Amino acid sequence: MAALVYMVLILAMAGHSSANWCVCKDGLSDAVLQKTLDYACGAGADCGPIHQNGGCYNPNTVRAHCSYAVNSYFQKKGQAQGTCDFAGTASVATSDPSASGCVYPSSIRYAFNLFHFYSL
């Protein structure tokens, strides 16, 4: 167990510069982004935080909600190749899209959460 905790901690610290997020692209209509949002939420993304009163409801825009949903899906799929395309409506970003009060998960944060869980 200690070896697993140590490995997760090392990976979390070493991988900091390679954090990736999935975000919806600029310049697309709200209708297109809404379809992507609906697909991601229906396919297993954790969309609870973008519901009204959720921590990521604001900014209340289709693009912001779309980005949160596709990122959740991308992270749940382990950032596997092709899981951040959504028919060309999303792409991988290396800068953190998190906004005030809303944290977008990344592989780094998942590793930290795993470490925290095992250290309790």
PDB file of N, CA and C in Angstrom:
ATOM      1  N   MET A   1       0.828  -1.187   0.000  1.00  0.00           N
ATOM      2  CA  MET A   1       0.000   0.000   0.000  1.00  0.00           C
ATOM      3  C   MET A   1       0.872   1.251   0.000  1.00  0.00           C
ATOM      4  N   ALA A   2       1.925   1.248   0.805  1.00  0.00           N
ATOM      5  CA  ALA A   2       2.816   2.409   0.866  1.00  0.00           C
ATOM      6  C   ALA A   2       3.470   2.658  -0.483  1.00  0.00           C
ATOM      7  N   ALA A   3       3.809   1.585  -1.191  1.00  0.00           N
ATOM      8  CA  ALA A   3       4.428   1.743  -2.516  1.00  0.00           C
ATOM      9  C   ALA A   3       3.459   2.408  -3.482  1.00  0.00           C
ATOM     10  N   LEU A   4       2.183   2.042  -3.420  1.00  0.00           N
ATOM     11  CA  LEU A   4       1.179   2.649  -4.294  1.00  0.00           C
ATOM     12  C   LEU A   4       1.039   4.136  -3.992  1.00  0.00           C
ATOM     13  N   VAL A   5       0.979   4.486  -2.731  1.00  0.00           N
ATOM     14  CA  VAL A   5       0.857   5.891  -2.340  1.00  0.00           C
ATOM     15  C   VAL A   5       2.080   6.664  -2.812  1.00  0.00           C
ATOM     16  N   TYR A   6       3.255   6.103  -2.626  1.00  0.00           N
ATOM     17  CA  TYR A   6       4.489   6.755  -3.061  1.00  0.00           C
ATOM     18  C   TYR A   6       4.493   6.955  -4.571  1.00  0.00           C
ATOM     19  N   MET A   7       4.099   5.932  -5.321  1.00  0.00           N
ATOM     20  CA  MET A   7       4.081   6.022  -6.778  1.00  0.00           C
ATOM     21  C   MET A   7       3.095   7.101  -7.242  1.00  0.00           C
ATOM     22  N   VAL A   8       1.923   7.156  -6.659  1.00  0.00           N
ATOM     23  CA  VAL A   8       0.933   8.164  -7.036  1.00  0.00           C
ATOM     24  C   VAL A   8       1.463   9.560  -6.732  1.00  0.00           C
ATOM     25  N   LEU A   9       2.100   9.727  -5.603  1.00  0.00           N
ATOM     26  CA  LEU A   9       2.668  11.026  -5.244  1.00  0.00           C
ATOM     27  C   LEU A   9       3.749  11.441  -6.236  1.00  0.00           C
ATOM     28  N   ILE A  10       4.639  10.545  -6.583  1.00  0.00           N
ATOM     29  CA  ILE A  10       5.709  10.845  -7.546  1.00  0.00           C
ATOM     30  C   ILE A  10       5.111  11.197  -8.901  1.00  0.00           C
ATOM     31  N   LEU A  11       4.144  10.431  -9.357  1.00  0.00           N
ATOM     32  CA  LEU A  11       3.509  10.720 -10.645  1.00  0.00           C
ATOM     33  C   LEU A  11       2.806  12.068 -10.627  1.00  0.00           C
ATOM     34  N   ALA A  12       2.181  12.399  -9.534  1.00  0.00           N
ATOM     35  CA  ALA A  12       1.482  13.685  -9.438  1.00  0.00           C
ATOM     36  C   ALA A  12       2.461  14.843  -9.511  1.00  0.00           C
ATOM     37  N   MET A  13       3.598  14.709  -8.859  1.00  0.00           N
ATOM     38  CA  MET A  13       4.583  15.792  -8.880  1.00  0.00           C
ATOM     39  C   MET A  13       5.325  15.842 -10.210  1.00  0.00           C
ATOM     40  N   ALA A  14       5.692  14.716 -10.756  1.00  0.00           N
ATOM     41  CA  ALA A  14       6.469  14.675 -11.993  1.00  0.00           C
ATOM     42  C   ALA A  14       5.637  15.064 -13.198  1.00  0.00           C
ATOM     43  N   GLY A  15       4.380  14.754 -13.187  1.00  0.00           N
ATOM     44  CA  GLY A  15       3.550  15.005 -14.357  1.00  0.00           C
ATOM     45  C   GLY A  15       2.916  16.369 -14.401  1.00  0.00           C
ATOM     46  N   HIS A  16       3.271  17.262 -13.491  1.00  0.00           N
ATOM     47  CA  HIS A  16       2.591  18.553 -13.397  1.00  0.00           C
ATOM     48  C   HIS A  16       2.573  19.319 -14.711  1.00  0.00           C
ATOM     49  N   SER A  17       3.656  19.290 -15.456  1.00  0.00           N
ATOM     50  CA  SER A  17       3.717  20.090 -16.675  1.00  0.00           C
ATOM     51  C   SER A  17       2.935  19.473 -17.822  1.00  0.00           C
ATOM     52  N   SER A  18       2.469  18.258 -17.664  1.00  0.00           N
ATOM     53  CA  SER A  18       1.769  17.617 -18.771  1.00  0.00           C
ATOM     54  C   SER A  18       0.266  17.497 -18.530  1.00  0.00           C
ATOM     55  N   ALA A  19      -0.282  18.341 -17.680  1.00  0.00           N
ATOM     56  CA  ALA A  19      -1.719  18.305 -17.424  1.00  0.00           C
ATOM     57  C   ALA A  19      -2.472  18.680 -18.694  1.00  0.00           C
ATOM     58  N   ASN A  20      -3.551  17.971 -18.939  1.00  0.00           N
ATOM     59  CA  ASN A  20      -4.378  18.227 -20.117  1.00  0.00           C
ATOM     60  C   ASN A  20      -5.839  18.334 -19.720  1.00  0.00           C
ATOM     61  N   TRP A  21      -6.524  19.203 -20.406  1.00  0.00           N
ATOM     62  CA  TRP A  21      -7.959  19.371 -20.251  1.00  0.00           C
ATOM     63  C   TRP A  21      -8.584  19.317 -21.634  1.00  0.00           C
ATOM     64  N   CYS A  22      -9.858  19.031 -21.680  1.00  0.00           N
ATOM     65  CA  CYS A  22     -10.603  19.037 -22.937  1.00  0.00           C
ATOM     66  C   CYS A  22     -11.588  20.203 -22.864  1.00  0.00           C
ATOM     67  N   VAL A  23     -11.601  21.036 -23.889  1.00  0.00           N
ATOM     68  CA  VAL A  23     -12.501  22.193 -23.905  1.00  0.00           C
ATOM     69  C   VAL A  23     -13.216  22.284 -25.245  1.00  0.00           C
ATOM     70  N   CYS A  24     -14.401  22.860 -25.223  1.00  0.00           N
ATOM     71  CA  CYS A  24     -15.146  23.079 -26.462  1.00  0.00           C
ATOM     72  C   CYS A  24     -14.516  24.236 -27.225  1.00  0.00           C
ATOM     73  N   LYS A  25     -14.518  24.120 -28.533  1.00  0.00           N
ATOM     74  CA  LYS A  25     -13.865  25.114 -29.387  1.00  0.00           C
ATOM     75  C   LYS A  25     -14.663  26.410 -29.472  1.00  0.00           C
ATOM     76  N   ASP A  26     -13.933  27.504 -29.666  1.00  0.00           N
ATOM     77  CA  ASP A  26     -14.538  28.815 -29.913  1.00  0.00           C
ATOM     78  C   ASP A  26     -15.129  28.840 -31.320  1.00  0.00           C
ATOM     79  N   GLY A  27     -16.061  29.754 -31.548  1.00  0.00           N
ATOM     80  CA  GLY A  27     -16.581  29.987 -32.890  1.00  0.00           C
ATOM     81  C   GLY A  27     -17.675  29.042 -33.340  1.00  0.00           C
ATOM     82  N   LEU A  28     -18.146  28.184 -32.455  1.00  0.00           N
ATOM     83  CA  LEU A  28     -19.227  27.263 -32.806  1.00  0.00           C
ATOM     84  C   LEU A  28     -20.540  27.787 -32.235  1.00  0.00           C
ATOM     85  N   SER A  29     -21.629  27.463 -32.902  1.00  0.00           N
ATOM     86  CA  SER A  29     -22.936  27.942 -32.448  1.00  0.00           C
ATOM     87  C   SER A  29     -23.335  27.268 -31.135  1.00  0.00           C
ATOM     88  N   ASP A  30     -24.195  27.940 -30.396  1.00  0.00           N
ATOM     89  CA  ASP A  30     -24.712  27.351 -29.161  1.00  0.00           C
ATOM     90  C   ASP A  30     -25.437  26.040 -29.435  1.00  0.00           C
ATOM     91  N   ALA A  31     -26.109  25.932 -30.572  1.00  0.00           N
ATOM     92  CA  ALA A  31     -26.833  24.699 -30.908  1.00  0.00           C
ATOM     93  C   ALA A  31     -25.862  23.527 -31.056  1.00  0.00           C
ATOM     94  N   VAL A  32     -24.739  23.757 -31.717  1.00  0.00           N
ATOM     95  CA  VAL A  32     -23.729  22.706 -31.896  1.00  0.00           C
ATOM     96  C   VAL A  32     -23.118  22.336 -30.548  1.00  0.00           C
ATOM     97  N   LEU A  33     -22.785  23.345 -29.757  1.00  0.00           N
ATOM     98  CA  LEU A  33     -22.197  23.089 -28.445  1.00  0.00           C
ATOM     99  C   LEU A  33     -23.180  22.376 -27.521  1.00  0.00           C
ATOM    100  N   GLN A  34     -24.460  22.706 -27.622  1.00  0.00           N
ATOM    101  CA  GLN A  34     -25.471  22.045 -26.797  1.00  0.00           C
ATOM    102  C   GLN A  34     -25.556  20.561 -27.133  1.00  0.00           C
ATOM    103  N   LYS A  35     -25.437  20.217 -28.411  1.00  0.00           N
ATOM    104  CA  LYS A  35     -25.443  18.798 -28.806  1.00  0.00           C
ATOM    105  C   LYS A  35     -24.247  18.075 -28.205  1.00  0.00           C
ATOM    106  N   THR A  36     -23.092  18.729 -28.223  1.00  0.00           N
ATOM    107  CA  THR A  36     -21.893  18.133 -27.632  1.00  0.00           C
ATOM    108  C   THR A  36     -22.066  17.969 -26.130  1.00  0.00           C
ATOM    109  N   LEU A  37     -22.589  18.980 -25.478  1.00  0.00           N
ATOM    110  CA  LEU A  37     -22.861  18.940 -24.043  1.00  0.00           C
ATOM    111  C   LEU A  37     -23.812  17.794 -23.711  1.00  0.00           C
ATOM    112  N   ASP A  38     -24.889  17.688 -24.452  1.00  0.00           N
ATOM    113  CA  ASP A  38     -25.871  16.623 -24.215  1.00  0.00           C
ATOM    114  C   ASP A  38     -25.252  15.246 -24.404  1.00  0.00           C
ATOM    115  N   TYR A  39     -24.425  15.106 -25.438  1.00  0.00           N
ATOM    116  CA  TYR A  39     -23.783  13.814 -25.689  1.00  0.00           C
ATOM    117  C   TYR A  39     -22.852  13.456 -24.531  1.00  0.00           C
ATOM    118  N   ALA A  40     -21.990  14.395 -24.133  1.00  0.00           N
ATOM    119  CA  ALA A  40     -21.021  14.115 -23.069  1.00  0.00           C
ATOM    120  C   ALA A  40     -21.731  13.735 -21.772  1.00  0.00           C
ATOM    121  N   CYS A  41     -22.765  14.484 -21.413  1.00  0.00           N
ATOM    122  CA  CYS A  41     -23.504  14.182 -20.180  1.00  0.00           C
ATOM    123  C   CYS A  41     -24.194  12.825 -20.269  1.00  0.00           C
ATOM    124  N   GLY A  42     -24.726  12.493 -21.432  1.00  0.00           N
ATOM    125  CA  GLY A  42     -25.398  11.214 -21.613  1.00  0.00           C
ATOM    126  C   GLY A  42     -24.450  10.033 -21.697  1.00  0.00           C
ATOM    127  N   ALA A  43     -23.177  10.312 -21.998  1.00  0.00           N
ATOM    128  CA  ALA A  43     -22.195   9.239 -22.174  1.00  0.00           C
ATOM    129  C   ALA A  43     -21.331   9.013 -20.934  1.00  0.00           C
ATOM    130  N   GLY A  44     -21.681   9.638 -19.826  1.00  0.00           N
ATOM    131  CA  GLY A  44     -20.976   9.339 -18.587  1.00  0.00           C
ATOM    132  C   GLY A  44     -20.227  10.472 -17.929  1.00  0.00           C
ATOM    133  N   ALA A  45     -20.219  11.660 -18.527  1.00  0.00           N
ATOM    134  CA  ALA A  45     -19.569  12.800 -17.872  1.00  0.00           C
ATOM    135  C   ALA A  45     -20.318  13.139 -16.586  1.00  0.00           C
ATOM    136  N   ASP A  46     -19.595  13.650 -15.607  1.00  0.00           N
ATOM    137  CA  ASP A  46     -20.227  14.112 -14.371  1.00  0.00           C
ATOM    138  C   ASP A  46     -20.705  15.541 -14.607  1.00  0.00           C
ATOM    139  N   CYS A  47     -21.982  15.700 -14.894  1.00  0.00           N
ATOM    140  CA  CYS A  47     -22.534  17.017 -15.224  1.00  0.00           C
ATOM    141  C   CYS A  47     -23.248  17.674 -14.050  1.00  0.00           C
ATOM    142  N   GLY A  48     -23.223  17.040 -12.891  1.00  0.00           N
ATOM    143  CA  GLY A  48     -23.842  17.626 -11.706  1.00  0.00           C
ATOM    144  C   GLY A  48     -23.347  19.031 -11.390  1.00  0.00           C
ATOM    145  N   PRO A  49     -22.032  19.286 -11.465  1.00  0.00           N
ATOM    146  CA  PRO A  49     -21.539  20.624 -11.128  1.00  0.00           C
ATOM    147  C   PRO A  49     -22.025  21.741 -12.045  1.00  0.00           C
ATOM    148  N   ILE A  50     -22.528  21.423 -13.238  1.00  0.00           N
ATOM    149  CA  ILE A  50     -23.005  22.482 -14.135  1.00  0.00           C
ATOM    150  C   ILE A  50     -24.516  22.661 -14.072  1.00  0.00           C
ATOM    151  N   HIS A  51     -25.174  21.902 -13.199  1.00  0.00           N
ATOM    152  CA  HIS A  51     -26.602  22.122 -12.969  1.00  0.00           C
ATOM    153  C   HIS A  51     -26.767  23.363 -12.102  1.00  0.00           C
ATOM    154  N   GLN A  52     -27.951  23.958 -12.161  1.00  0.00           N
ATOM    155  CA  GLN A  52     -28.219  25.145 -11.348  1.00  0.00           C
ATOM    156  C   GLN A  52     -27.876  24.848  -9.896  1.00  0.00           C
ATOM    157  N   ASN A  53     -27.217  25.775  -9.232  1.00  0.00           N
ATOM    158  CA  ASN A  53     -26.714  25.664  -7.864  1.00  0.00           C
ATOM    159  C   ASN A  53     -25.466  24.798  -7.752  1.00  0.00           C
ATOM    160  N   GLY A  54     -24.967  24.255  -8.877  1.00  0.00           N
ATOM    161  CA  GLY A  54     -23.720  23.500  -8.867  1.00  0.00           C
ATOM    162  C   GLY A  54     -22.529  24.444  -8.837  1.00  0.00           C
ATOM    163  N   GLY A  55     -21.397  23.940  -8.417  1.00  0.00           N
ATOM    164  CA  GLY A  55     -20.195  24.755  -8.298  1.00  0.00           C
ATOM    165  C   GLY A  55     -19.669  25.313  -9.604  1.00  0.00           C
ATOM    166  N   CYS A  56     -20.089  24.724 -10.728  1.00  0.00           N
ATOM    167  CA  CYS A  56     -19.619  25.193 -12.039  1.00  0.00           C
ATOM    168  C   CYS A  56     -20.761  25.680 -12.923  1.00  0.00           C
ATOM    169  N   TYR A  57     -21.882  26.038 -12.307  1.00  0.00           N
ATOM    170  CA  TYR A  57     -23.012  26.563 -13.082  1.00  0.00           C
ATOM    171  C   TYR A  57     -22.656  27.905 -13.718  1.00  0.00           C
ATOM    172  N   ASN A  58     -21.885  28.718 -12.996  1.00  0.00           N
ATOM    173  CA  ASN A  58     -21.439  30.009 -13.544  1.00  0.00           C
ATOM    174  C   ASN A  58     -19.998  29.898 -14.007  1.00  0.00           C
ATOM    175  N   PRO A  59     -19.639  30.437 -15.129  1.00  0.00           N
ATOM    176  CA  PRO A  59     -20.506  31.248 -15.984  1.00  0.00           C
ATOM    177  C   PRO A  59     -21.572  30.383 -16.657  1.00  0.00           C
ATOM    178  N   ASN A  60     -22.777  30.897 -16.674  1.00  0.00           N
ATOM    179  CA  ASN A  60     -23.918  30.178 -17.229  1.00  0.00           C
ATOM    180  C   ASN A  60     -23.984  30.399 -18.740  1.00  0.00           C
ATOM    181  N   THR A  61     -23.049  29.760 -19.443  1.00  0.00           N
ATOM    182  CA  THR A  61     -23.041  29.815 -20.906  1.00  0.00           C
ATOM    183  C   THR A  61     -22.977  28.399 -21.439  1.00  0.00           C
ATOM    184  N   VAL A  62     -23.485  28.206 -22.630  1.00  0.00           N
ATOM    185  CA  VAL A  62     -23.446  26.877 -23.239  1.00  0.00           C
ATOM    186  C   VAL A  62     -21.994  26.440 -23.420  1.00  0.00           C
ATOM    187  N   ARG A  63     -21.138  27.352 -23.850  1.00  0.00           N
ATOM    188  CA  ARG A  63     -19.734  26.988 -24.084  1.00  0.00           C
ATOM    189  C   ARG A  63     -19.052  26.552 -22.789  1.00  0.00           C
ATOM    190  N   ALA A  64     -19.259  27.290 -21.696  1.00  0.00           N
ATOM    191  CA  ALA A  64     -18.635  26.928 -20.419  1.00  0.00           C
ATOM    192  C   ALA A  64     -19.148  25.579 -19.931  1.00  0.00           C
ATOM    193  N   HIS A  65     -20.437  25.351 -20.028  1.00  0.00           N
ATOM    194  CA  HIS A  65     -21.003  24.069 -19.602  1.00  0.00           C
ATOM    195  C   HIS A  65     -20.521  22.941 -20.507  1.00  0.00           C
ATOM    196  N   CYS A  66     -20.427  23.220 -21.797  1.00  0.00           N
ATOM    197  CA  CYS A  66     -19.924  22.235 -22.753  1.00  0.00           C
ATOM    198  C   CYS A  66     -18.494  21.837 -22.392  1.00  0.00           C
ATOM    199  N   SER A  67     -17.658  22.820 -22.118  1.00  0.00           N
ATOM    200  CA  SER A  67     -16.261  22.534 -21.788  1.00  0.00           C
ATOM    201  C   SER A  67     -16.146  21.711 -20.514  1.00  0.00           C
ATOM    202  N   TYR A  68     -16.939  22.035 -19.508  1.00  0.00           N
ATOM    203  CA  TYR A  68     -16.883  21.253 -18.277  1.00  0.00           C
ATOM    204  C   TYR A  68     -17.282  19.798 -18.551  1.00  0.00           C
ATOM    205  N   ALA A  69     -18.338  19.612 -19.331  1.00  0.00           N
ATOM    206  CA  ALA A  69     -18.836  18.262 -19.610  1.00  0.00           C
ATOM    207  C   ALA A  69     -17.843  17.446 -20.430  1.00  0.00           C
ATOM    208  N   VAL A  70     -17.285  18.029 -21.492  1.00  0.00           N
ATOM    209  CA  VAL A  70     -16.350  17.250 -22.318  1.00  0.00           C
ATOM    210  C   VAL A  70     -15.073  16.955 -21.545  1.00  0.00           C
ATOM    211  N   ASN A  71     -14.664  17.873 -20.661  1.00  0.00           N
ATOM    212  CA  ASN A  71     -13.479  17.602 -19.852  1.00  0.00           C
ATOM    213  C   ASN A  71     -13.740  16.463 -18.871  1.00  0.00           C
ATOM    214  N   SER A  72     -14.907  16.454 -18.263  1.00  0.00           N
ATOM    215  CA  SER A  72     -15.248  15.367 -17.354  1.00  0.00           C
ATOM    216  C   SER A  72     -15.214  14.028 -18.082  1.00  0.00           C
ATOM    217  N   TYR A  73     -15.786  13.984 -19.260  1.00  0.00           N
ATOM    218  CA  TYR A  73     -15.781  12.759 -20.073  1.00  0.00           C
ATOM    219  C   TYR A  73     -14.344  12.349 -20.404  1.00  0.00           C
ATOM    220  N   PHE A  74     -13.545  13.293 -20.866  1.00  0.00           N
ATOM    221  CA  PHE A  74     -12.147  13.063 -21.241  1.00  0.00           C
ATOM    222  C   PHE A  74     -11.349  12.498 -20.068  1.00  0.00           C
ATOM    223  N   GLN A  75     -11.534  13.063 -18.888  1.00  0.00           N
ATOM    224  CA  GLN A  75     -10.809  12.580 -17.715  1.00  0.00           C
ATOM    225  C   GLN A  75     -11.299  11.192 -17.304  1.00  0.00           C
ATOM    226  N   LYS A  76     -12.606  10.968 -17.350  1.00  0.00           N
ATOM    227  CA  LYS A  76     -13.144   9.653 -16.978  1.00  0.00           C
ATOM    228  C   LYS A  76     -12.669   8.561 -17.925  1.00  0.00           C
ATOM    229  N   LYS A  77     -12.372   8.922 -19.153  1.00  0.00           N
ATOM    230  CA  LYS A  77     -11.860   7.962 -20.136  1.00  0.00           C
ATOM    231  C   LYS A  77     -10.338   7.881 -20.096  1.00  0.00           C
ATOM    232  N   GLY A  78      -9.731   8.478 -19.083  1.00  0.00           N
ATOM    233  CA  GLY A  78      -8.288   8.398 -18.918  1.00  0.00           C
ATOM    234  C   GLY A  78      -7.498   9.160 -19.962  1.00  0.00           C
ATOM    235  N   GLN A  79      -8.096  10.193 -20.529  1.00  0.00           N
ATOM    236  CA  GLN A  79      -7.479  11.004 -21.573  1.00  0.00           C
ATOM    237  C   GLN A  79      -7.068  10.155 -22.777  1.00  0.00           C
ATOM    238  N   ALA A  80      -7.814   9.099 -23.023  1.00  0.00           N
ATOM    239  CA  ALA A  80      -7.501   8.216 -24.152  1.00  0.00           C
ATOM    240  C   ALA A  80      -7.616   8.972 -25.473  1.00  0.00           C
ATOM    241  N   GLN A  81      -6.786   8.568 -26.414  1.00  0.00           N
ATOM    242  CA  GLN A  81      -6.795   9.205 -27.729  1.00  0.00           C
ATOM    243  C   GLN A  81      -8.202   9.149 -28.326  1.00  0.00           C
ATOM    244  N   GLY A  82      -8.649  10.262 -28.861  1.00  0.00           N
ATOM    245  CA  GLY A  82      -9.960  10.334 -29.497  1.00  0.00           C
ATOM    246  C   GLY A  82     -11.105  10.682 -28.568  1.00  0.00           C
ATOM    247  N   THR A  83     -10.837  10.763 -27.255  1.00  0.00           N
ATOM    248  CA  THR A  83     -11.936  11.051 -26.323  1.00  0.00           C
ATOM    249  C   THR A  83     -12.139  12.545 -26.084  1.00  0.00           C
ATOM    250  N   CYS A  84     -11.416  13.379 -26.821  1.00  0.00           N
ATOM    251  CA  CYS A  84     -11.619  14.828 -26.738  1.00  0.00           C
ATOM    252  C   CYS A  84     -11.791  15.392 -28.141  1.00  0.00           C
ATOM    253  N   ASP A  85     -12.614  14.763 -28.929  1.00  0.00           N
ATOM    254  CA  ASP A  85     -12.855  15.275 -30.282  1.00  0.00           C
ATOM    255  C   ASP A  85     -14.294  15.726 -30.439  1.00  0.00           C
ATOM    256  N   PHE A  86     -15.222  14.849 -30.087  1.00  0.00           N
ATOM    257  CA  PHE A  86     -16.649  15.164 -30.142  1.00  0.00           C
ATOM    258  C   PHE A  86     -17.033  15.749 -31.501  1.00  0.00           C
ATOM    259  N   ALA A  87     -16.719  14.986 -32.538  1.00  0.00           N
ATOM    260  CA  ALA A  87     -17.028  15.375 -33.927  1.00  0.00           C
ATOM    261  C   ALA A  87     -16.436  16.738 -34.282  1.00  0.00           C
ATOM    262  N   GLY A  88     -15.245  17.003 -33.751  1.00  0.00           N
ATOM    263  CA  GLY A  88     -14.549  18.240 -34.083  1.00  0.00           C
ATOM    264  C   GLY A  88     -14.955  19.456 -33.280  1.00  0.00           C
ATOM    265  N   THR A  89     -15.764  19.279 -32.245  1.00  0.00           N
ATOM    266  CA  THR A  89     -16.233  20.434 -31.472  1.00  0.00           C
ATOM    267  C   THR A  89     -15.386  20.728 -30.237  1.00  0.00           C
ATOM    268  N   ALA A  90     -14.431  19.852 -29.923  1.00  0.00           N
ATOM    269  CA  ALA A  90     -13.601  20.041 -28.733  1.00  0.00           C
ATOM    270  C   ALA A  90     -12.148  19.731 -29.065  1.00  0.00           C
ATOM    271  N   SER A  91     -11.260  20.218 -28.218  1.00  0.00           N
ATOM    272  CA  SER A  91      -9.837  19.935 -28.405  1.00  0.00           C
ATOM    273  C   SER A  91      -9.125  19.952 -27.057  1.00  0.00           C
ATOM    274  N   VAL A  92      -7.944  19.343 -27.035  1.00  0.00           N
ATOM    275  CA  VAL A  92      -7.139  19.275 -25.821  1.00  0.00           C
ATOM    276  C   VAL A  92      -6.463  20.623 -25.585  1.00  0.00           C
ATOM    277  N   ALA A  93      -6.484  21.055 -24.333  1.00  0.00           N
ATOM    278  CA  ALA A  93      -5.826  22.304 -23.934  1.00  0.00           C
ATOM    279  C   ALA A  93      -4.797  21.985 -22.857  1.00  0.00           C
ATOM    280  N   THR A  94      -3.716  22.731 -22.837  1.00  0.00           N
ATOM    281  CA  THR A  94      -2.694  22.539 -21.810  1.00  0.00           C
ATOM    282  C   THR A  94      -2.731  23.628 -20.746  1.00  0.00           C
ATOM    283  N   SER A  95      -3.588  24.628 -20.926  1.00  0.00           N
ATOM    284  CA  SER A  95      -3.753  25.645 -19.883  1.00  0.00           C
ATOM    285  C   SER A  95      -5.069  25.389 -19.155  1.00  0.00           C
ATOM    286  N   ASP A  96      -5.029  25.510 -17.860  1.00  0.00           N
ATOM    287  CA  ASP A  96      -6.158  25.184 -16.992  1.00  0.00           C
ATOM    288  C   ASP A  96      -7.343  26.126 -17.247  1.00  0.00           C
ATOM    289  N   PRO A  97      -8.488  25.574 -17.666  1.00  0.00           N
ATOM    290  CA  PRO A  97      -9.666  26.405 -17.926  1.00  0.00           C
ATOM    291  C   PRO A  97     -10.491  26.711 -16.676  1.00  0.00           C
ATOM    292  N   SER A  98     -10.051  26.252 -15.524  1.00  0.00           N
ATOM    293  CA  SER A  98     -10.800  26.476 -14.288  1.00  0.00           C
ATOM    294  C   SER A  98     -11.053  27.962 -14.072  1.00  0.00           C
ATOM    295  N   ALA A  99     -12.232  28.264 -13.545  1.00  0.00           N
ATOM    296  CA  ALA A  99     -12.614  29.648 -13.263  1.00  0.00           C
ATOM    297  C   ALA A  99     -12.910  29.767 -11.775  1.00  0.00           C
ATOM    298  N   SER A 100     -13.096  30.962 -11.317  1.00  0.00           N
ATOM    299  CA  SER A 100     -13.373  31.217  -9.914  1.00  0.00           C
ATOM    300  C   SER A 100     -14.519  30.338  -9.419  1.00  0.00           C
ATOM    301  N   GLY A 101     -14.226  29.516  -8.432  1.00  0.00           N
ATOM    302  CA  GLY A 101     -15.244  28.659  -7.853  1.00  0.00           C
ATOM    303  C   GLY A 101     -15.514  27.379  -8.613  1.00  0.00           C
ATOM    304  N   CYS A 102     -14.885  27.193  -9.759  1.00  0.00           N
ATOM    305  CA  CYS A 102     -15.112  25.995 -10.574  1.00  0.00           C
ATOM    306  C   CYS A 102     -13.775  25.398 -10.979  1.00  0.00           C
ATOM    307  N   VAL A 103     -13.496  24.213 -10.473  1.00  0.00           N
ATOM    308  CA  VAL A 103     -12.240  23.541 -10.779  1.00  0.00           C
ATOM    309  C   VAL A 103     -12.493  22.440 -11.799  1.00  0.00           C
ATOM    310  N   TYR A 104     -11.811  22.538 -12.928  1.00  0.00           N
ATOM    311  CA  TYR A 104     -11.878  21.499 -13.953  1.00  0.00           C
ATOM    312  C   TYR A 104     -10.884  20.406 -13.578  1.00  0.00           C
ATOM    313  N   PRO A 105     -11.337  19.173 -13.421  1.00  0.00           N
ATOM    314  CA  PRO A 105     -10.410  18.095 -13.080  1.00  0.00           C
ATOM    315  C   PRO A 105      -9.370  17.884 -14.179  1.00  0.00           C
ATOM    316  N   SER A 106      -8.199  17.454 -13.774  1.00  0.00           N
ATOM    317  CA  SER A 106      -7.166  17.021 -14.709  1.00  0.00           C
ATOM    318  C   SER A 106      -6.573  15.744 -14.146  1.00  0.00           C
ATOM    319  N   SER A 107      -5.756  15.091 -14.898  1.00  0.00           N
ATOM    320  CA  SER A 107      -5.132  13.865 -14.410  1.00  0.00           C
ATOM    321  C   SER A 107      -4.329  14.133 -13.147  1.00  0.00           C
ATOM    322  N   ILE A 108      -3.739  15.305 -13.047  1.00  0.00           N
ATOM    323  CA  ILE A 108      -2.954  15.655 -11.877  1.00  0.00           C
ATOM    324  C   ILE A 108      -3.849  15.694 -10.646  1.00  0.00           C
ATOM    325  N   ARG A 109      -4.979  16.330 -10.762  1.00  0.00           N
ATOM    326  CA  ARG A 109      -5.882  16.423  -9.613  1.00  0.00           C
ATOM    327  C   ARG A 109      -6.414  15.048  -9.228  1.00  0.00           C
ATOM    328  N   TYR A 110      -6.707  14.204 -10.218  1.00  0.00           N
ATOM    329  CA  TYR A 110      -7.168  12.866  -9.894  1.00  0.00           C
ATOM    330  C   TYR A 110      -6.089  12.102  -9.149  1.00  0.00           C
ATOM    331  N   ALA A 111      -4.840  12.255  -9.553  1.00  0.00           N
ATOM    332  CA  ALA A 111      -3.747  11.583  -8.858  1.00  0.00           C
ATOM    333  C   ALA A 111      -3.640  12.104  -7.429  1.00  0.00           C
ATOM    334  N   PHE A 112      -3.769  13.416  -7.237  1.00  0.00           N
ATOM    335  CA  PHE A 112      -3.716  13.983  -5.894  1.00  0.00           C
ATOM    336  C   PHE A 112      -4.864  13.452  -5.048  1.00  0.00           C
ATOM    337  N   ASN A 113      -6.062  13.396  -5.612  1.00  0.00           N
ATOM    338  CA  ASN A 113      -7.215  12.889  -4.864  1.00  0.00           C
ATOM    339  C   ASN A 113      -7.012  11.435  -4.481  1.00  0.00           C
ATOM    340  N   LEU A 114      -6.427  10.642  -5.377  1.00  0.00           N
ATOM    341  CA  LEU A 114      -6.155   9.244  -5.074  1.00  0.00           C
ATOM    342  C   LEU A 114      -5.151   9.152  -3.929  1.00  0.00           C
ATOM    343  N   PHE A 115      -4.093   9.982  -3.992  1.00  0.00           N
ATOM    344  CA  PHE A 115      -3.107   9.999  -2.922  1.00  0.00           C
ATOM    345  C   PHE A 115      -3.770  10.376  -1.601  1.00  0.00           C
ATOM    346  N   HIS A 116      -4.595  11.415  -1.626  1.00  0.00           N
ATOM    347  CA  HIS A 116      -5.269  11.868  -0.416  1.00  0.00           C
ATOM    348  C   HIS A 116      -6.156  10.760   0.153  1.00  0.00           C
ATOM    349  N   PHE A 117      -6.870  10.045  -0.703  1.00  0.00           N
ATOM    350  CA  PHE A 117      -7.747   8.964  -0.272  1.00  0.00           C
ATOM    351  C   PHE A 117      -6.948   7.873   0.434  1.00  0.00           C
ATOM    352  N   TYR A 118      -5.822   7.472  -0.149  1.00  0.00           N
ATOM    353  CA  TYR A 118      -5.039   6.396   0.433  1.00  0.00           C
ATOM    354  C   TYR A 118      -4.239   6.829   1.655  1.00  0.00           C
ATOM    355  N   SER A 119      -4.070   8.124   1.849  1.00  0.00           N
ATOM    356  CA  SER A 119      -3.302   8.581   3.002  1.00  0.00           C
ATOM    357  C   SER A 119      -4.173   8.782   4.239  1.00  0.00           C
ATOM    358  N   LEU A 120      -5.491   8.645   4.082  1.00  0.00           N
ATOM    359  CA  LEU A 120      -6.390   8.834   5.235  1.00  0.00           C
ATOM    360  C   LEU A 120      -6.288   7.701   6.225  1.00  0.00           C
TER     361      LEU A 120
END
